[in-house]
Amino acid sequence: MKKLIKVEDDPGILDAFSLVLGSTYQLEMFNSADLILDNQFDVPNMFIIDKQLSGTSGTVLCKHLKSDANTSAIPVALVSASPDIHKVAAEAGADAALEKPFAVKKLREIVTGLLDRP
């Protein structure tokens, strides 16, 4: 089973992601960027990161992951309610962006598309 790491500080959003993706993927949740920045995680197949985290922002975390040799090839999707998330995600080096609110189908399409790419 492929493993996803979701970094999100809103418990309600974490619950929603768990309901949508938890039966298909091994989902590990983090409520801040701290443990990821300290490399205290098992390497996943994909990261899904909220742009607006308390403490370190999701864009900073994405740049960190994409600059680290151990995680640079792992797909990252940034999620935000901000209408400019696609531009911000591209600037941070993310592989995909998802604007809130989003359809469950769109979330699944992004995850599947990134995990299935060569």
Foldseek 3Di string as FASTA:
>chain_A
DFEEEEAAQDVVVVVVCCVLCVVPHHYHYHPACVCVLVVNDDDGQAYEYEQDGPPDGRLVSLLSQCVDPVRVLRAYEYEEQDPCQQVSCVVSVHPYYYHPPDDSVVVVCVVCVRSPDD
